[in-house]
């Protein structure tokens, strides 16, 4: 399985945490779920971090069966719509940058 992570590194504007979280869930998650080939969407809001760790208030993980499915999703109209919705939320509630990482998972269930 391939997972593409988006790390939202920066800070939520003062007093905007709940509005930011609600906007992500209502305005953007439906777009992420509409990506072709998506297996799972995981939205993780940070509550705590180690001393000295960078502030990352949101980590998004979208999983796909393989790299070809990632490429299809990234080229899709659904991604363009998601990007526009995300940028609108960031403009209202967030100061920082977003960077992406593509990983290959190795699960070891108990």
N, C-alpha and C. Protein backbone atom coordinates (compact mmCIF):
# COMPACT_ATOMS: atom_id res chain seq x y z
N UNK A 1 0.85 -1.18 0.00
CA UNK A 1 0.00 0.00 0.00
C UNK A 1 0.90 1.24 0.00
N UNK A 2 0.47 2.23 -0.74
CA UNK A 2 1.17 3.51 -0.85
C UNK A 2 0.33 4.57 -0.13
N UNK A 3 0.98 5.37 0.70
CA UNK A 3 0.27 6.45 1.38
C UNK A 3 0.98 7.77 1.08
N UNK A 4 0.19 8.74 0.70
CA UNK A 4 0.70 10.10 0.47
C UNK A 4 0.27 10.94 1.66
N UNK A 5 1.26 11.47 2.35
CA UNK A 5 1.02 12.31 3.51
C UNK A 5 1.15 13.78 3.13
N UNK A 6 0.30 14.59 3.71
CA UNK A 6 0.44 16.04 3.64
C UNK A 6 0.64 16.52 5.07
N UNK A 7 1.77 17.16 5.32
CA UNK A 7 2.07 17.70 6.64
C UNK A 7 1.87 19.21 6.59
N UNK A 8 0.98 19.69 7.42
CA UNK A 8 0.65 21.10 7.49
C UNK A 8 1.51 21.69 8.60
N UNK A 9 2.67 22.21 8.23
CA UNK A 9 3.64 22.70 9.19
C UNK A 9 3.47 24.20 9.35
N UNK A 10 3.20 24.62 10.56
CA UNK A 10 2.98 26.04 10.83
C UNK A 10 2.06 26.19 12.01
N UNK A 11 1.22 27.19 11.95
CA UNK A 11 0.33 27.40 13.08
C UNK A 11 -1.06 27.81 12.62
N UNK A 12 -2.03 27.39 13.40
CA UNK A 12 -3.39 27.85 13.19
C UNK A 12 -3.49 29.24 13.81
N UNK A 13 -4.14 30.14 13.14
CA UNK A 13 -4.26 31.50 13.64
C UNK A 13 -4.95 31.51 15.00
N UNK A 14 -4.57 32.47 15.83
CA UNK A 14 -5.08 32.59 17.19
C UNK A 14 -6.60 32.49 17.24
N UNK A 15 -7.09 31.59 18.08
CA UNK A 15 -8.52 31.43 18.28
C UNK A 15 -9.26 30.72 17.16
N UNK A 16 -8.53 30.15 16.20
CA UNK A 16 -9.16 29.55 15.02
C UNK A 16 -9.10 28.02 15.00
N UNK A 17 -8.63 27.39 16.06
CA UNK A 17 -8.44 25.94 16.03
C UNK A 17 -9.72 25.18 15.70
N UNK A 18 -10.78 25.46 16.41
CA UNK A 18 -12.03 24.72 16.16
C UNK A 18 -12.60 25.03 14.79
N UNK A 19 -12.52 26.27 14.36
CA UNK A 19 -13.02 26.64 13.02
C UNK A 19 -12.19 25.96 11.94
N UNK A 20 -10.88 25.90 12.12
CA UNK A 20 -10.00 25.22 11.17
C UNK A 20 -10.36 23.75 11.07
N UNK A 21 -10.48 23.08 12.20
CA UNK A 21 -10.79 21.65 12.20
C UNK A 21 -12.15 21.39 11.56
N UNK A 22 -13.14 22.18 11.91
CA UNK A 22 -14.47 21.99 11.33
C UNK A 22 -14.44 22.22 9.82
N UNK A 23 -13.74 23.23 9.37
CA UNK A 23 -13.66 23.53 7.94
C UNK A 23 -12.99 22.39 7.18
N UNK A 24 -11.92 21.84 7.73
CA UNK A 24 -11.26 20.70 7.08
C UNK A 24 -12.24 19.54 6.93
N UNK A 25 -12.92 19.20 8.01
CA UNK A 25 -13.82 18.05 7.99
C UNK A 25 -15.01 18.24 7.06
N UNK A 26 -15.56 19.44 7.03
CA UNK A 26 -16.77 19.69 6.25
C UNK A 26 -16.47 20.08 4.81
N UNK A 27 -15.45 20.92 4.62
CA UNK A 27 -15.20 21.51 3.30
C UNK A 27 -14.21 20.74 2.45
N UNK A 28 -13.31 19.96 3.06
CA UNK A 28 -12.26 19.33 2.26
C UNK A 28 -12.32 17.80 2.27
N UNK A 29 -12.65 17.20 3.39
CA UNK A 29 -12.67 15.74 3.45
C UNK A 29 -13.52 15.12 2.33
N UNK A 30 -14.70 15.66 2.01
CA UNK A 30 -15.46 15.07 0.89
C UNK A 30 -14.68 15.08 -0.43
N UNK A 31 -13.87 16.11 -0.65
CA UNK A 31 -13.06 16.16 -1.87
C UNK A 31 -11.97 15.08 -1.83
N UNK A 32 -11.31 14.92 -0.69
CA UNK A 32 -10.27 13.90 -0.59
C UNK A 32 -10.86 12.51 -0.78
N UNK A 33 -12.04 12.28 -0.23
CA UNK A 33 -12.69 10.98 -0.41
C UNK A 33 -13.11 10.72 -1.85
N UNK A 34 -13.22 11.76 -2.66
CA UNK A 34 -13.64 11.62 -4.06
C UNK A 34 -12.47 11.30 -5.00
N UNK A 35 -11.25 11.30 -4.49
CA UNK A 35 -10.11 10.98 -5.36
C UNK A 35 -10.30 9.58 -5.95
N UNK A 36 -10.03 9.42 -7.23
CA UNK A 36 -10.13 8.06 -7.81
C UNK A 36 -9.08 7.15 -7.20
N UNK A 37 -9.47 5.93 -6.90
CA UNK A 37 -8.53 4.93 -6.40
C UNK A 37 -8.21 5.02 -4.92
N UNK A 38 -8.80 5.96 -4.21
CA UNK A 38 -8.48 6.12 -2.79
C UNK A 38 -8.99 4.90 -2.00
N UNK A 39 -8.13 4.39 -1.12
CA UNK A 39 -8.51 3.29 -0.24
C UNK A 39 -8.92 3.80 1.13
N UNK A 40 -8.24 4.83 1.61
CA UNK A 40 -8.53 5.37 2.94
C UNK A 40 -8.04 6.80 3.03
N UNK A 41 -8.79 7.60 3.77
CA UNK A 41 -8.39 8.97 4.09
C UNK A 41 -8.33 9.08 5.61
N UNK A 42 -7.20 9.50 6.11
CA UNK A 42 -7.04 9.68 7.56
C UNK A 42 -6.63 11.12 7.82
N UNK A 43 -7.43 11.81 8.63
CA UNK A 43 -7.19 13.20 9.01
C UNK A 43 -6.79 13.19 10.48
N UNK A 44 -5.59 13.66 10.78
CA UNK A 44 -5.08 13.65 12.15
C UNK A 44 -4.78 15.08 12.60
N UNK A 45 -5.52 15.53 13.61
CA UNK A 45 -5.29 16.84 14.19
C UNK A 45 -4.38 16.68 15.42
N UNK A 46 -3.34 17.49 15.50
CA UNK A 46 -2.39 17.38 16.60
C UNK A 46 -2.95 17.99 17.88
N UNK A 47 -2.73 17.29 18.97
CA UNK A 47 -3.10 17.80 20.28
C UNK A 47 -1.89 18.15 21.13
N UNK A 48 -0.78 17.44 20.91
CA UNK A 48 0.44 17.65 21.68
C UNK A 48 1.64 17.35 20.78
N UNK A 49 2.81 17.83 21.22
CA UNK A 49 4.06 17.49 20.53
C UNK A 49 5.21 17.56 21.52
N UNK A 50 6.31 16.94 21.17
CA UNK A 50 7.51 16.98 22.00
C UNK A 50 8.05 18.40 22.06
N UNK A 51 8.73 18.72 23.16
CA UNK A 51 9.41 20.01 23.26
C UNK A 51 10.39 20.13 22.10
N UNK A 52 10.35 21.25 21.42
CA UNK A 52 11.25 21.51 20.31
C UNK A 52 10.81 20.95 18.98
N UNK A 53 9.75 20.15 18.95
CA UNK A 53 9.26 19.58 17.69
C UNK A 53 8.55 20.67 16.89
N UNK A 54 8.61 20.57 15.56
CA UNK A 54 7.90 21.57 14.75
C UNK A 54 6.40 21.47 14.97
N UNK A 55 5.72 22.58 14.82
CA UNK A 55 4.27 22.59 14.96
C UNK A 55 3.65 22.09 13.67
N UNK A 56 2.92 20.99 13.77
CA UNK A 56 2.23 20.39 12.63
C UNK A 56 0.80 20.11 13.10
N UNK A 57 -0.11 21.09 12.92
CA UNK A 57 -1.46 20.94 13.46
C UNK A 57 -2.33 19.94 12.70
N UNK A 58 -1.93 19.56 11.49
CA UNK A 58 -2.72 18.61 10.70
C UNK A 58 -1.79 17.72 9.90
N UNK A 59 -2.06 16.43 9.95
CA UNK A 59 -1.40 15.46 9.08
C UNK A 59 -2.50 14.71 8.34
N UNK A 60 -2.43 14.75 7.04
CA UNK A 60 -3.38 14.05 6.18
C UNK A 60 -2.68 12.85 5.57
N UNK A 61 -3.34 11.70 5.59
CA UNK A 61 -2.80 10.49 4.96
C UNK A 61 -3.87 9.92 4.04
N UNK A 62 -3.53 9.81 2.76
CA UNK A 62 -4.43 9.20 1.79
C UNK A 62 -3.72 7.98 1.20
N UNK A 63 -4.37 6.82 1.32
CA UNK A 63 -3.75 5.56 0.90
C UNK A 63 -4.35 5.05 -0.40
N UNK A 64 -3.48 4.40 -1.17
CA UNK A 64 -3.81 3.85 -2.48
C UNK A 64 -3.19 2.47 -2.61
N UNK A 65 -3.66 1.70 -3.56
CA UNK A 65 -3.13 0.35 -3.78
C UNK A 65 -1.70 0.37 -4.31
N UNK A 66 -1.39 1.33 -5.18
CA UNK A 66 -0.07 1.36 -5.80
C UNK A 66 0.23 2.77 -6.31
N UNK A 67 1.44 2.95 -6.82
CA UNK A 67 1.88 4.28 -7.28
C UNK A 67 1.05 4.76 -8.47
N UNK A 68 0.63 3.86 -9.34
CA UNK A 68 -0.19 4.26 -10.49
C UNK A 68 -1.50 4.91 -10.01
N UNK A 69 -2.08 4.38 -8.95
CA UNK A 69 -3.31 4.97 -8.40
C UNK A 69 -3.05 6.36 -7.84
N UNK A 70 -1.88 6.56 -7.22
CA UNK A 70 -1.51 7.90 -6.73
C UNK A 70 -1.44 8.87 -7.90
N UNK A 71 -0.76 8.46 -8.96
CA UNK A 71 -0.61 9.33 -10.13
C UNK A 71 -1.95 9.68 -10.74
N UNK A 72 -2.86 8.72 -10.82
CA UNK A 72 -4.20 8.97 -11.35
C UNK A 72 -4.93 9.98 -10.48
N UNK A 73 -4.85 9.82 -9.17
CA UNK A 73 -5.53 10.74 -8.25
C UNK A 73 -4.96 12.15 -8.37
N UNK A 74 -3.63 12.25 -8.46
CA UNK A 74 -3.00 13.57 -8.53
C UNK A 74 -3.34 14.31 -9.82
N UNK A 75 -3.66 13.58 -10.86
CA UNK A 75 -4.00 14.19 -12.16
C UNK A 75 -5.50 14.42 -12.31
N UNK A 76 -6.29 14.07 -11.32
CA UNK A 76 -7.74 14.10 -11.45
C UNK A 76 -8.35 15.47 -11.14
N UNK A 77 -9.54 15.73 -11.68
CA UNK A 77 -10.27 16.94 -11.33
C UNK A 77 -10.61 17.00 -9.84
N UNK A 78 -10.77 15.85 -9.20
CA UNK A 78 -11.05 15.82 -7.77
C UNK A 78 -9.91 16.44 -6.97
N UNK A 79 -8.69 16.20 -7.41
CA UNK A 79 -7.55 16.80 -6.70
C UNK A 79 -7.54 18.31 -6.88
N UNK A 80 -7.84 18.78 -8.07
CA UNK A 80 -7.88 20.23 -8.30
C UNK A 80 -8.93 20.88 -7.41
N UNK A 81 -10.08 20.24 -7.26
CA UNK A 81 -11.13 20.77 -6.39
C UNK A 81 -10.69 20.75 -4.93
N UNK A 82 -10.04 19.67 -4.51
CA UNK A 82 -9.55 19.57 -3.14
C UNK A 82 -8.50 20.61 -2.85
N UNK A 83 -7.62 20.83 -3.80
CA UNK A 83 -6.56 21.83 -3.61
C UNK A 83 -7.16 23.23 -3.44
N UNK A 84 -8.14 23.57 -4.25
CA UNK A 84 -8.79 24.88 -4.13
C UNK A 84 -9.49 25.03 -2.78
N UNK A 85 -10.19 23.99 -2.34
CA UNK A 85 -10.88 24.04 -1.05
C UNK A 85 -9.88 24.14 0.09
N UNK A 86 -8.78 23.41 0.00
CA UNK A 86 -7.75 23.46 1.04
C UNK A 86 -7.12 24.85 1.10
N UNK A 87 -6.78 25.41 -0.04
CA UNK A 87 -6.17 26.74 -0.06
C UNK A 87 -7.09 27.80 0.53
N UNK A 88 -8.40 27.66 0.32
CA UNK A 88 -9.35 28.62 0.90
C UNK A 88 -9.35 28.53 2.43
N UNK A 89 -9.30 27.31 2.95
CA UNK A 89 -9.25 27.13 4.41
C UNK A 89 -7.94 27.67 4.98
N UNK A 90 -6.86 27.37 4.32
CA UNK A 90 -5.56 27.84 4.81
C UNK A 90 -5.51 29.37 4.84
N UNK A 91 -6.05 30.01 3.85
CA UNK A 91 -6.06 31.48 3.80
C UNK A 91 -6.81 32.07 4.99
N UNK A 92 -7.83 31.38 5.45
CA UNK A 92 -8.65 31.86 6.57
C UNK A 92 -8.07 31.54 7.94
N UNK A 93 -7.38 30.40 8.05
CA UNK A 93 -7.09 29.88 9.39
C UNK A 93 -5.64 29.49 9.67
N UNK A 94 -4.75 29.52 8.69
CA UNK A 94 -3.45 28.87 8.85
C UNK A 94 -2.32 29.74 8.32
N UNK A 95 -1.19 29.65 9.00
CA UNK A 95 0.03 30.32 8.54
C UNK A 95 1.15 29.29 8.55
N UNK A 96 1.69 28.99 7.39
CA UNK A 96 2.75 28.00 7.32
C UNK A 96 2.87 27.43 5.92
N UNK A 97 3.30 26.18 5.87
CA UNK A 97 3.49 25.51 4.58
C UNK A 97 2.96 24.09 4.66
N UNK A 98 2.72 23.53 3.49
CA UNK A 98 2.29 22.14 3.39
C UNK A 98 3.32 21.41 2.54
N UNK A 99 3.78 20.28 3.04
CA UNK A 99 4.68 19.45 2.23
C UNK A 99 4.18 18.03 2.22
N UNK A 100 4.52 17.32 1.14
CA UNK A 100 3.98 15.98 0.90
C UNK A 100 5.10 14.94 0.91
N UNK A 101 4.74 13.75 1.37
CA UNK A 101 5.67 12.62 1.42
C UNK A 101 4.91 11.38 0.98
N UNK A 102 5.49 10.62 0.06
CA UNK A 102 4.88 9.38 -0.39
C UNK A 102 5.65 8.23 0.24
N UNK A 103 4.89 7.33 0.90
CA UNK A 103 5.52 6.24 1.64
C UNK A 103 4.95 4.90 1.20
N UNK A 104 5.72 3.88 1.48
CA UNK A 104 5.27 2.50 1.29
C UNK A 104 5.18 1.88 2.67
N UNK A 105 4.01 1.39 3.04
CA UNK A 105 3.79 0.88 4.40
C UNK A 105 4.13 -0.59 4.52
N UNK A 106 4.62 -0.93 5.68
CA UNK A 106 4.86 -2.31 6.08
C UNK A 106 4.17 -2.49 7.43
N UNK A 107 3.04 -3.18 7.45
CA UNK A 107 2.24 -3.35 8.66
C UNK A 107 2.63 -4.64 9.38
N UNK A 108 2.64 -4.56 10.70
CA UNK A 108 2.93 -5.72 11.54
C UNK A 108 1.84 -5.81 12.61
N UNK A 109 0.66 -6.33 12.23
CA UNK A 109 -0.44 -6.39 13.19
C UNK A 109 -0.15 -7.33 14.35
N UNK A 110 -0.75 -7.01 15.46
CA UNK A 110 -0.59 -7.84 16.67
C UNK A 110 -1.70 -8.85 16.74
